Amino acid sequence: MPTPAAVPLIVLIAAAVAFNVLKSDLARAQGKISFTSDLWLDQKLCPFMALTAHQTAKEEQTSVLVLKAALIAFYHIPGSHTGKSLGSIILHLLDRANIAKDVSV
């Protein structure tokens, strides 16, 4: 049983491993990747953004194309909420997932 002090580190490591698996999955996408985003405020009026990727991929056993979607970021939005600021944040998050070049525009 992990100590209470070790739990945050265990969670961070598990999240990093899951994100690397997601990036590998996105790298195998067939064609372009689309994304959606949503912004909202929590009860303390702190702004957050969710960014979801949508892609087609071949199933390994059958080679059938399937539609996949995955949350690639849940992000606190600091500072200004201008179009330029939000665009910069979205590009940063797409770069972090290694899919900026694969996104459909």
PDB file of N, CA and C in Angstrom:
ATOM      1  N   MET A   1       0.848  -1.172   0.000  1.00  0.00           N
ATOM      2  CA  MET A   1       0.000   0.000   0.000  1.00  0.00           C
ATOM      3  C   MET A   1       0.895   1.238   0.000  1.00  0.00           C
ATOM      4  N   PRO A   2       0.673   2.152  -0.960  1.00  0.00           N
ATOM      5  CA  PRO A   2       1.510   3.357  -0.992  1.00  0.00           C
ATOM      6  C   PRO A   2       1.198   4.282   0.178  1.00  0.00           C
ATOM      7  N   THR A   3       2.183   5.044   0.559  1.00  0.00           N
ATOM      8  CA  THR A   3       1.973   6.039   1.606  1.00  0.00           C
ATOM      9  C   THR A   3       1.173   7.202   1.022  1.00  0.00           C
ATOM     10  N   PRO A   4       0.474   7.946   1.868  1.00  0.00           N
ATOM     11  CA  PRO A   4      -0.268   9.106   1.356  1.00  0.00           C
ATOM     12  C   PRO A   4       0.618  10.100   0.611  1.00  0.00           C
ATOM     13  N   ALA A   5       1.849  10.236   1.035  1.00  0.00           N
ATOM     14  CA  ALA A   5       2.762  11.161   0.362  1.00  0.00           C
ATOM     15  C   ALA A   5       3.142  10.665  -1.032  1.00  0.00           C
ATOM     16  N   ALA A   6       3.115   9.350  -1.263  1.00  0.00           N
ATOM     17  CA  ALA A   6       3.513   8.783  -2.552  1.00  0.00           C
ATOM     18  C   ALA A   6       2.392   8.809  -3.588  1.00  0.00           C
ATOM     19  N   VAL A   7       1.154   8.930  -3.150  1.00  0.00           N
ATOM     20  CA  VAL A   7       0.006   8.845  -4.063  1.00  0.00           C
ATOM     21  C   VAL A   7       0.067   9.892  -5.181  1.00  0.00           C
ATOM     22  N   PRO A   8       0.348  11.180  -4.884  1.00  0.00           N
ATOM     23  CA  PRO A   8       0.408  12.144  -5.995  1.00  0.00           C
ATOM     24  C   PRO A   8       1.445  11.776  -7.055  1.00  0.00           C
ATOM     25  N   LEU A   9       2.586  11.282  -6.649  1.00  0.00           N
ATOM     26  CA  LEU A   9       3.616  10.880  -7.609  1.00  0.00           C
ATOM     27  C   LEU A   9       3.149   9.690  -8.440  1.00  0.00           C
ATOM     28  N   ILE A  10       2.504   8.734  -7.817  1.00  0.00           N
ATOM     29  CA  ILE A  10       1.979   7.564  -8.529  1.00  0.00           C
ATOM     30  C   ILE A  10       0.943   8.003  -9.566  1.00  0.00           C
ATOM     31  N   VAL A  11       0.080   8.942  -9.196  1.00  0.00           N
ATOM     32  CA  VAL A  11      -0.937   9.446 -10.122  1.00  0.00           C
ATOM     33  C   VAL A  11      -0.278  10.167 -11.301  1.00  0.00           C
ATOM     34  N   LEU A  12       0.728  11.007 -11.027  1.00  0.00           N
ATOM     35  CA  LEU A  12       1.421  11.723 -12.101  1.00  0.00           C
ATOM     36  C   LEU A  12       2.119  10.761 -13.060  1.00  0.00           C
ATOM     37  N   ILE A  13       2.729   9.728 -12.536  1.00  0.00           N
ATOM     38  CA  ILE A  13       3.403   8.740 -13.385  1.00  0.00           C
ATOM     39  C   ILE A  13       2.377   7.999 -14.240  1.00  0.00           C
ATOM     40  N   ALA A  14       1.270   7.594 -13.646  1.00  0.00           N
ATOM     41  CA  ALA A  14       0.220   6.893 -14.403  1.00  0.00           C
ATOM     42  C   ALA A  14      -0.348   7.798 -15.496  1.00  0.00           C
ATOM     43  N   ALA A  15      -0.534   9.083 -15.193  1.00  0.00           N
ATOM     44  CA  ALA A  15      -1.047  10.021 -16.197  1.00  0.00           C
ATOM     45  C   ALA A  15      -0.056  10.191 -17.343  1.00  0.00           C
ATOM     46  N   ALA A  16       1.233  10.259 -17.036  1.00  0.00           N
ATOM     47  CA  ALA A  16       2.260  10.395 -18.079  1.00  0.00           C
ATOM     48  C   ALA A  16       2.276   9.157 -18.978  1.00  0.00           C
ATOM     49  N   VAL A  17       2.165   7.987 -18.385  1.00  0.00           N
ATOM     50  CA  VAL A  17       2.144   6.743 -19.170  1.00  0.00           C
ATOM     51  C   VAL A  17       0.901   6.722 -20.067  1.00  0.00           C
ATOM     52  N   ALA A  18      -0.259   7.074 -19.522  1.00  0.00           N
ATOM     53  CA  ALA A  18      -1.498   7.084 -20.313  1.00  0.00           C
ATOM     54  C   ALA A  18      -1.410   8.100 -21.449  1.00  0.00           C
ATOM     55  N   PHE A  19      -0.805   9.263 -21.200  1.00  0.00           N
ATOM     56  CA  PHE A  19      -0.683  10.281 -22.241  1.00  0.00           C
ATOM     57  C   PHE A  19       0.249   9.806 -23.350  1.00  0.00           C
ATOM     58  N   ASN A  20       1.309   9.091 -23.007  1.00  0.00           N
ATOM     59  CA  ASN A  20       2.206   8.540 -24.035  1.00  0.00           C
ATOM     60  C   ASN A  20       1.506   7.484 -24.877  1.00  0.00           C
ATOM     61  N   VAL A  21       0.674   6.673 -24.263  1.00  0.00           N
ATOM     62  CA  VAL A  21      -0.119   5.685 -25.016  1.00  0.00           C
ATOM     63  C   VAL A  21      -1.071   6.416 -25.962  1.00  0.00           C
ATOM     64  N   LEU A  22      -1.710   7.469 -25.473  1.00  0.00           N
ATOM     65  CA  LEU A  22      -2.611   8.260 -26.312  1.00  0.00           C
ATOM     66  C   LEU A  22      -1.870   8.870 -27.493  1.00  0.00           C
ATOM     67  N   LYS A  23      -0.671   9.433 -27.263  1.00  0.00           N
ATOM     68  CA  LYS A  23       0.101  10.013 -28.364  1.00  0.00           C
ATOM     69  C   LYS A  23       0.464   8.956 -29.402  1.00  0.00           C
ATOM     70  N   SER A  24       0.786   7.745 -28.974  1.00  0.00           N
ATOM     71  CA  SER A  24       1.073   6.653 -29.917  1.00  0.00           C
ATOM     72  C   SER A  24      -0.166   6.303 -30.726  1.00  0.00           C
ATOM     73  N   ASP A  25      -1.307   6.274 -30.067  1.00  0.00           N
ATOM     74  CA  ASP A  25      -2.565   5.981 -30.744  1.00  0.00           C
ATOM     75  C   ASP A  25      -2.877   7.062 -31.779  1.00  0.00           C
ATOM     76  N   LEU A  26      -2.693   8.325 -31.417  1.00  0.00           N
ATOM     77  CA  LEU A  26      -2.945   9.427 -32.339  1.00  0.00           C
ATOM     78  C   LEU A  26      -1.982   9.405 -33.521  1.00  0.00           C
ATOM     79  N   ALA A  27      -0.754   8.952 -33.302  1.00  0.00           N
ATOM     80  CA  ALA A  27       0.240   8.881 -34.379  1.00  0.00           C
ATOM     81  C   ALA A  27      -0.167   7.863 -35.442  1.00  0.00           C
ATOM     82  N   ARG A  28      -1.003   6.895 -35.077  1.00  0.00           N
ATOM     83  CA  ARG A  28      -1.456   5.864 -36.026  1.00  0.00           C
ATOM     84  C   ARG A  28      -2.781   6.222 -36.694  1.00  0.00           C
ATOM     85  N   ALA A  29      -3.249   7.439 -36.490  1.00  0.00           N
ATOM     86  CA  ALA A  29      -4.526   7.857 -37.083  1.00  0.00           C
ATOM     87  C   ALA A  29      -4.452   7.768 -38.600  1.00  0.00           C
ATOM     88  N   GLN A  30      -5.562   7.381 -39.204  1.00  0.00           N
ATOM     89  CA  GLN A  30      -5.678   7.329 -40.648  1.00  0.00           C
ATOM     90  C   GLN A  30      -6.218   8.678 -41.116  1.00  0.00           C
ATOM     91  N   GLY A  31      -5.428   9.437 -41.826  1.00  0.00           N
ATOM     92  CA  GLY A  31      -5.885  10.746 -42.286  1.00  0.00           C
ATOM     93  C   GLY A  31      -5.688  11.816 -41.233  1.00  0.00           C
ATOM     94  N   LYS A  32      -6.437  12.887 -41.365  1.00  0.00           N
ATOM     95  CA  LYS A  32      -6.317  14.035 -40.483  1.00  0.00           C
ATOM     96  C   LYS A  32      -7.040  13.793 -39.154  1.00  0.00           C
ATOM     97  N   ILE A  33      -6.665  14.579 -38.154  1.00  0.00           N
ATOM     98  CA  ILE A  33      -7.285  14.524 -36.838  1.00  0.00           C
ATOM     99  C   ILE A  33      -8.103  15.804 -36.656  1.00  0.00           C
ATOM    100  N   SER A  34      -9.314  15.656 -36.201  1.00  0.00           N
ATOM    101  CA  SER A  34     -10.151  16.808 -35.871  1.00  0.00           C
ATOM    102  C   SER A  34     -10.148  16.982 -34.360  1.00  0.00           C
ATOM    103  N   PHE A  35     -10.494  18.181 -33.920  1.00  0.00           N
ATOM    104  CA  PHE A  35     -10.600  18.372 -32.483  1.00  0.00           C
ATOM    105  C   PHE A  35     -11.765  19.282 -32.148  1.00  0.00           C
ATOM    106  N   THR A  36     -12.250  19.137 -30.942  1.00  0.00           N
ATOM    107  CA  THR A  36     -13.266  20.021 -30.407  1.00  0.00           C
ATOM    108  C   THR A  36     -12.757  20.563 -29.082  1.00  0.00           C
ATOM    109  N   SER A  37     -13.256  21.735 -28.730  1.00  0.00           N
ATOM    110  CA  SER A  37     -12.885  22.290 -27.429  1.00  0.00           C
ATOM    111  C   SER A  37     -14.124  22.885 -26.780  1.00  0.00           C
ATOM    112  N   ASP A  38     -14.067  22.980 -25.482  1.00  0.00           N
ATOM    113  CA  ASP A  38     -15.136  23.598 -24.728  1.00  0.00           C
ATOM    114  C   ASP A  38     -14.499  24.339 -23.566  1.00  0.00           C
ATOM    115  N   LEU A  39     -15.049  25.475 -23.244  1.00  0.00           N
ATOM    116  CA  LEU A  39     -14.554  26.282 -22.133  1.00  0.00           C
ATOM    117  C   LEU A  39     -15.684  26.531 -21.150  1.00  0.00           C
ATOM    118  N   TRP A  40     -15.356  26.583 -19.880  1.00  0.00           N
ATOM    119  CA  TRP A  40     -16.350  26.915 -18.876  1.00  0.00           C
ATOM    120  C   TRP A  40     -15.662  27.407 -17.617  1.00  0.00           C
ATOM    121  N   LEU A  41     -16.450  27.933 -16.709  1.00  0.00           N
ATOM    122  CA  LEU A  41     -15.965  28.421 -15.422  1.00  0.00           C
ATOM    123  C   LEU A  41     -16.433  27.479 -14.322  1.00  0.00           C
ATOM    124  N   ASP A  42     -15.558  27.264 -13.331  1.00  0.00           N
ATOM    125  CA  ASP A  42     -16.007  26.491 -12.178  1.00  0.00           C
ATOM    126  C   ASP A  42     -16.753  27.416 -11.221  1.00  0.00           C
ATOM    127  N   GLN A  43     -17.128  26.910 -10.050  1.00  0.00           N
ATOM    128  CA  GLN A  43     -17.913  27.701  -9.105  1.00  0.00           C
ATOM    129  C   GLN A  43     -17.157  28.926  -8.586  1.00  0.00           C
ATOM    130  N   LYS A  44     -15.822  28.878  -8.644  1.00  0.00           N
ATOM    131  CA  LYS A  44     -15.009  30.018  -8.206  1.00  0.00           C
ATOM    132  C   LYS A  44     -14.629  30.926  -9.380  1.00  0.00           C
ATOM    133  N   LEU A  45     -15.286  30.703 -10.530  1.00  0.00           N
ATOM    134  CA  LEU A  45     -15.066  31.477 -11.751  1.00  0.00           C
ATOM    135  C   LEU A  45     -13.665  31.311 -12.333  1.00  0.00           C
ATOM    136  N   CYS A  46     -13.045  30.161 -12.091  1.00  0.00           N
ATOM    137  CA  CYS A  46     -11.761  29.829 -12.717  1.00  0.00           C
ATOM    138  C   CYS A  46     -12.063  29.180 -14.070  1.00  0.00           C
ATOM    139  N   PRO A  47     -11.445  29.679 -15.155  1.00  0.00           N
ATOM    140  CA  PRO A  47     -11.746  29.144 -16.488  1.00  0.00           C
ATOM    141  C   PRO A  47     -10.941  27.884 -16.813  1.00  0.00           C
ATOM    142  N   PHE A  48     -11.604  26.948 -17.479  1.00  0.00           N
ATOM    143  CA  PHE A  48     -10.976  25.693 -17.901  1.00  0.00           C
ATOM    144  C   PHE A  48     -11.347  25.392 -19.348  1.00  0.00           C
ATOM    145  N   MET A  49     -10.479  24.649 -20.019  1.00  0.00           N
ATOM    146  CA  MET A  49     -10.722  24.196 -21.388  1.00  0.00           C
ATOM    147  C   MET A  49     -10.519  22.680 -21.454  1.00  0.00           C
ATOM    148  N   ALA A  50     -11.426  22.020 -22.154  1.00  0.00           N
ATOM    149  CA  ALA A  50     -11.244  20.611 -22.495  1.00  0.00           C
ATOM    150  C   ALA A  50     -10.990  20.549 -23.993  1.00  0.00           C
ATOM    151  N   LEU A  51     -10.022  19.744 -24.407  1.00  0.00           N
ATOM    152  CA  LEU A  51      -9.680  19.581 -25.822  1.00  0.00           C
ATOM    153  C   LEU A  51      -9.752  18.091 -26.142  1.00  0.00           C
ATOM    154  N   THR A  52     -10.588  17.760 -27.131  1.00  0.00           N
ATOM    155  CA  THR A  52     -10.813  16.366 -27.504  1.00  0.00           C
ATOM    156  C   THR A  52     -10.381  16.146 -28.945  1.00  0.00           C
ATOM    157  N   ALA A  53      -9.658  15.060 -29.194  1.00  0.00           N
ATOM    158  CA  ALA A  53      -9.229  14.695 -30.548  1.00  0.00           C
ATOM    159  C   ALA A  53     -10.162  13.614 -31.085  1.00  0.00           C
ATOM    160  N   HIS A  54     -10.439  13.684 -32.398  1.00  0.00           N
ATOM    161  CA  HIS A  54     -11.294  12.717 -33.080  1.00  0.00           C
ATOM    162  C   HIS A  54     -10.535  12.235 -34.315  1.00  0.00           C
ATOM    163  N   GLN A  55     -10.391  10.924 -34.454  1.00  0.00           N
ATOM    164  CA  GLN A  55      -9.655  10.400 -35.592  1.00  0.00           C
ATOM    165  C   GLN A  55     -10.196   9.026 -35.993  1.00  0.00           C
ATOM    166  N   THR A  56      -9.856   8.621 -37.208  1.00  0.00           N
ATOM    167  CA  THR A  56     -10.153   7.256 -37.622  1.00  0.00           C
ATOM    168  C   THR A  56      -8.880   6.438 -37.490  1.00  0.00           C
ATOM    169  N   ALA A  57      -9.061   5.194 -37.134  1.00  0.00           N
ATOM    170  CA  ALA A  57      -7.924   4.288 -36.956  1.00  0.00           C
ATOM    171  C   ALA A  57      -8.335   2.899 -37.423  1.00  0.00           C
ATOM    172  N   LYS A  58      -7.363   2.122 -37.845  1.00  0.00           N
ATOM    173  CA  LYS A  58      -7.625   0.740 -38.235  1.00  0.00           C
ATOM    174  C   LYS A  58      -7.536  -0.157 -37.010  1.00  0.00           C
ATOM    175  N   GLU A  59      -8.553  -1.018 -36.854  1.00  0.00           N
ATOM    176  CA  GLU A  59      -8.474  -2.032 -35.807  1.00  0.00           C
ATOM    177  C   GLU A  59      -7.375  -3.014 -36.186  1.00  0.00           C
ATOM    178  N   GLU A  60      -6.577  -3.404 -35.211  1.00  0.00           N
ATOM    179  CA  GLU A  60      -5.412  -4.243 -35.504  1.00  0.00           C
ATOM    180  C   GLU A  60      -5.775  -5.603 -36.084  1.00  0.00           C
ATOM    181  N   GLN A  61      -6.809  -6.242 -35.560  1.00  0.00           N
ATOM    182  CA  GLN A  61      -7.139  -7.594 -36.016  1.00  0.00           C
ATOM    183  C   GLN A  61      -7.862  -7.611 -37.353  1.00  0.00           C
ATOM    184  N   THR A  62      -8.726  -6.614 -37.616  1.00  0.00           N
ATOM    185  CA  THR A  62      -9.582  -6.683 -38.799  1.00  0.00           C
ATOM    186  C   THR A  62      -9.265  -5.627 -39.854  1.00  0.00           C
ATOM    187  N   SER A  63      -8.462  -4.646 -39.527  1.00  0.00           N
ATOM    188  CA  SER A  63      -8.161  -3.508 -40.412  1.00  0.00           C
ATOM    189  C   SER A  63      -9.398  -2.691 -40.766  1.00  0.00           C
ATOM    190  N   VAL A  64     -10.467  -2.834 -40.006  1.00  0.00           N
ATOM    191  CA  VAL A  64     -11.675  -2.041 -40.200  1.00  0.00           C
ATOM    192  C   VAL A  64     -11.430  -0.659 -39.611  1.00  0.00           C
ATOM    193  N   LEU A  65     -11.871   0.380 -40.326  1.00  0.00           N
ATOM    194  CA  LEU A  65     -11.731   1.732 -39.800  1.00  0.00           C
ATOM    195  C   LEU A  65     -12.775   1.987 -38.722  1.00  0.00           C
ATOM    196  N   VAL A  66     -12.322   2.566 -37.625  1.00  0.00           N
ATOM    197  CA  VAL A  66     -13.219   2.918 -36.527  1.00  0.00           C
ATOM    198  C   VAL A  66     -12.971   4.371 -36.146  1.00  0.00           C
ATOM    199  N   LEU A  67     -14.016   5.024 -35.673  1.00  0.00           N
ATOM    200  CA  LEU A  67     -13.897   6.392 -35.199  1.00  0.00           C
ATOM    201  C   LEU A  67     -13.496   6.361 -33.730  1.00  0.00           C
ATOM    202  N   LYS A  68     -12.475   7.132 -33.390  1.00  0.00           N
ATOM    203  CA  LYS A  68     -12.004   7.191 -32.010  1.00  0.00           C
ATOM    204  C   LYS A  68     -12.022   8.639 -31.543  1.00  0.00           C
ATOM    205  N   ALA A  69     -12.236   8.825 -30.271  1.00  0.00           N
ATOM    206  CA  ALA A  69     -12.176  10.153 -29.659  1.00  0.00           C
ATOM    207  C   ALA A  69     -11.485  10.012 -28.315  1.00  0.00           C
ATOM    208  N   ALA A  70     -10.718  11.030 -27.958  1.00  0.00           N
ATOM    209  CA  ALA A  70     -10.002  10.987 -26.684  1.00  0.00           C
ATOM    210  C   ALA A  70      -9.781  12.394 -26.157  1.00  0.00           C
ATOM    211  N   LEU A  71      -9.886  12.542 -24.867  1.00  0.00           N
ATOM    212  CA  LEU A  71      -9.574  13.804 -24.215  1.00  0.00           C
ATOM    213  C   LEU A  71      -8.060  13.964 -24.217  1.00  0.00           C
ATOM    214  N   ILE A  72      -7.566  15.017 -24.862  1.00  0.00           N
ATOM    215  CA  ILE A  72      -6.114  15.215 -24.897  1.00  0.00           C
ATOM    216  C   ILE A  72      -5.654  16.280 -23.915  1.00  0.00           C
ATOM    217  N   ALA A  73      -6.591  17.079 -23.387  1.00  0.00           N
ATOM    218  CA  ALA A  73      -6.192  18.074 -22.393  1.00  0.00           C
ATOM    219  C   ALA A  73      -7.397  18.553 -21.603  1.00  0.00           C
ATOM    220  N   PHE A  74      -7.161  18.783 -20.343  1.00  0.00           N
ATOM    221  CA  PHE A  74      -8.072  19.501 -19.459  1.00  0.00           C
ATOM    222  C   PHE A  74      -7.187  20.561 -18.832  1.00  0.00           C
ATOM    223  N   TYR A  75      -7.418  21.814 -19.184  1.00  0.00           N
ATOM    224  CA  TYR A  75      -6.415  22.842 -18.957  1.00  0.00           C
ATOM    225  C   TYR A  75      -7.008  24.078 -18.293  1.00  0.00           C
ATOM    226  N   HIS A  76      -6.348  24.565 -17.265  1.00  0.00           N
ATOM    227  CA  HIS A  76      -6.735  25.832 -16.645  1.00  0.00           C
ATOM    228  C   HIS A  76      -6.285  26.956 -17.568  1.00  0.00           C
ATOM    229  N   ILE A  77      -7.177  27.887 -17.880  1.00  0.00           N
ATOM    230  CA  ILE A  77      -6.876  28.983 -18.791  1.00  0.00           C
ATOM    231  C   ILE A  77      -6.473  30.208 -17.971  1.00  0.00           C
ATOM    232  N   PRO A  78      -5.173  30.508 -17.914  1.00  0.00           N
ATOM    233  CA  PRO A  78      -4.749  31.689 -17.167  1.00  0.00           C
ATOM    234  C   PRO A  78      -4.896  32.955 -18.016  1.00  0.00           C
ATOM    235  N   GLY A  79      -5.078  34.068 -17.382  1.00  0.00           N
ATOM    236  CA  GLY A  79      -5.035  35.348 -18.078  1.00  0.00           C
ATOM    237  C   GLY A  79      -6.184  35.600 -19.034  1.00  0.00           C
ATOM    238  N   SER A  80      -5.864  36.288 -20.113  1.00  0.00           N
ATOM    239  CA  SER A  80      -6.829  36.779 -21.090  1.00  0.00           C
ATOM    240  C   SER A  80      -7.505  35.652 -21.871  1.00  0.00           C
ATOM    241  N   HIS A  81      -8.764  35.890 -22.261  1.00  0.00           N
ATOM    242  CA  HIS A  81      -9.521  34.907 -23.039  1.00  0.00           C
ATOM    243  C   HIS A  81      -9.802  35.415 -24.443  1.00  0.00           C
ATOM    244  N   THR A  82      -8.860  36.146 -25.025  1.00  0.00           N
ATOM    245  CA  THR A  82      -9.024  36.633 -26.394  1.00  0.00           C
ATOM    246  C   THR A  82      -8.853  35.474 -27.363  1.00  0.00           C
ATOM    247  N   GLY A  83      -9.289  35.677 -28.594  1.00  0.00           N
ATOM    248  CA  GLY A  83      -9.108  34.651 -29.619  1.00  0.00           C
ATOM    249  C   GLY A  83      -7.643  34.304 -29.811  1.00  0.00           C
ATOM    250  N   LYS A  84      -6.783  35.324 -29.792  1.00  0.00           N
ATOM    251  CA  LYS A  84      -5.347  35.085 -29.960  1.00  0.00           C
ATOM    252  C   LYS A  84      -4.796  34.246 -28.807  1.00  0.00           C
ATOM    253  N   SER A  85      -5.189  34.564 -27.596  1.00  0.00           N
ATOM    254  CA  SER A  85      -4.719  33.821 -26.424  1.00  0.00           C
ATOM    255  C   SER A  85      -5.205  32.379 -26.453  1.00  0.00           C
ATOM    256  N   LEU A  86      -6.499  32.179 -26.732  1.00  0.00           N
ATOM    257  CA  LEU A  86      -7.044  30.824 -26.778  1.00  0.00           C
ATOM    258  C   LEU A  86      -6.435  30.027 -27.932  1.00  0.00           C
ATOM    259  N   GLY A  87      -6.216  30.675 -29.073  1.00  0.00           N
ATOM    260  CA  GLY A  87      -5.569  30.001 -30.198  1.00  0.00           C
ATOM    261  C   GLY A  87      -4.173  29.542 -29.839  1.00  0.00           C
ATOM    262  N   SER A  88      -3.425  30.382 -29.137  1.00  0.00           N
ATOM    263  CA  SER A  88      -2.073  30.010 -28.706  1.00  0.00           C
ATOM    264  C   SER A  88      -2.110  28.819 -27.752  1.00  0.00           C
ATOM    265  N   ILE A  89      -3.073  28.816 -26.849  1.00  0.00           N
ATOM    266  CA  ILE A  89      -3.194  27.696 -25.901  1.00  0.00           C
ATOM    267  C   ILE A  89      -3.549  26.418 -26.641  1.00  0.00           C
ATOM    268  N   ILE A  90      -4.492  26.489 -27.579  1.00  0.00           N
ATOM    269  CA  ILE A  90      -4.873  25.298 -28.337  1.00  0.00           C
ATOM    270  C   ILE A  90      -3.676  24.767 -29.119  1.00  0.00           C
ATOM    271  N   LEU A  91      -2.927  25.640 -29.782  1.00  0.00           N
ATOM    272  CA  LEU A  91      -1.730  25.186 -30.514  1.00  0.00           C
ATOM    273  C   LEU A  91      -0.714  24.538 -29.572  1.00  0.00           C
ATOM    274  N   HIS A  92      -0.538  25.121 -28.391  1.00  0.00           N
ATOM    275  CA  HIS A  92       0.374  24.533 -27.404  1.00  0.00           C
ATOM    276  C   HIS A  92      -0.076  23.125 -27.023  1.00  0.00           C
ATOM    277  N   LEU A  93      -1.376  22.950 -26.777  1.00  0.00           N
ATOM    278  CA  LEU A  93      -1.890  21.639 -26.376  1.00  0.00           C
ATOM    279  C   LEU A  93      -1.801  20.630 -27.516  1.00  0.00           C
ATOM    280  N   LEU A  94      -2.048  21.073 -28.756  1.00  0.00           N
ATOM    281  CA  LEU A  94      -1.903  20.177 -29.911  1.00  0.00           C
ATOM    282  C   LEU A  94      -0.440  19.788 -30.099  1.00  0.00           C
ATOM    283  N   ASP A  95       0.475  20.734 -29.929  1.00  0.00           N
ATOM    284  CA  ASP A  95       1.910  20.428 -30.012  1.00  0.00           C
ATOM    285  C   ASP A  95       2.311  19.436 -28.929  1.00  0.00           C
ATOM    286  N   ARG A  96       1.798  19.634 -27.735  1.00  0.00           N
ATOM    287  CA  ARG A  96       2.127  18.739 -26.611  1.00  0.00           C
ATOM    288  C   ARG A  96       1.712  17.293 -26.922  1.00  0.00           C
ATOM    289  N   ALA A  97       0.611  17.151 -27.675  1.00  0.00           N
ATOM    290  CA  ALA A  97       0.139  15.816 -28.062  1.00  0.00           C
ATOM    291  C   ALA A  97       0.763  15.339 -29.368  1.00  0.00           C
ATOM    292  N   ASN A  98       1.676  16.137 -29.933  1.00  0.00           N
ATOM    293  CA  ASN A  98       2.357  15.805 -31.203  1.00  0.00           C
ATOM    294  C   ASN A  98       1.394  15.648 -32.372  1.00  0.00           C
ATOM    295  N   ILE A  99       0.312  16.447 -32.400  1.00  0.00           N
ATOM    296  CA  ILE A  99      -0.654  16.301 -33.494  1.00  0.00           C
ATOM    297  C   ILE A  99      -0.933  17.614 -34.225  1.00  0.00           C
ATOM    298  N   ALA A 100      -0.220  18.681 -33.933  1.00  0.00           N
ATOM    299  CA  ALA A 100      -0.503  19.964 -34.588  1.00  0.00           C
ATOM    300  C   ALA A 100      -0.437  19.844 -36.105  1.00  0.00           C
ATOM    301  N   LYS A 101       0.512  19.077 -36.621  1.00  0.00           N
ATOM    302  CA  LYS A 101       0.669  18.929 -38.067  1.00  0.00           C
ATOM    303  C   LYS A 101      -0.404  18.030 -38.684  1.00  0.00           C
ATOM    304  N   ASP A 102      -1.081  17.264 -37.884  1.00  0.00           N
ATOM    305  CA  ASP A 102      -2.069  16.308 -38.381  1.00  0.00           C
ATOM    306  C   ASP A 102      -3.509  16.775 -38.251  1.00  0.00           C
ATOM    307  N   VAL A 103      -3.712  17.976 -37.707  1.00  0.00           N
ATOM    308  CA  VAL A 103      -5.063  18.462 -37.458  1.00  0.00           C
ATOM    309  C   VAL A 103      -5.669  18.973 -38.758  1.00  0.00           C
ATOM    310  N   SER A 104      -6.913  18.642 -38.955  1.00  0.00           N
ATOM    311  CA  SER A 104      -7.668  19.112 -40.122  1.00  0.00           C
ATOM    312  C   SER A 104      -8.113  20.538 -39.879  1.00  0.00           C
ATOM    313  N   VAL A 105      -7.886  21.406 -40.870  1.00  0.00           N
ATOM    314  CA  VAL A 105      -8.342  22.804 -40.746  1.00  0.00           C
ATOM    315  C   VAL A 105      -9.330  23.139 -41.830  1.00  0.00           C
TER     316      VAL A 105
END
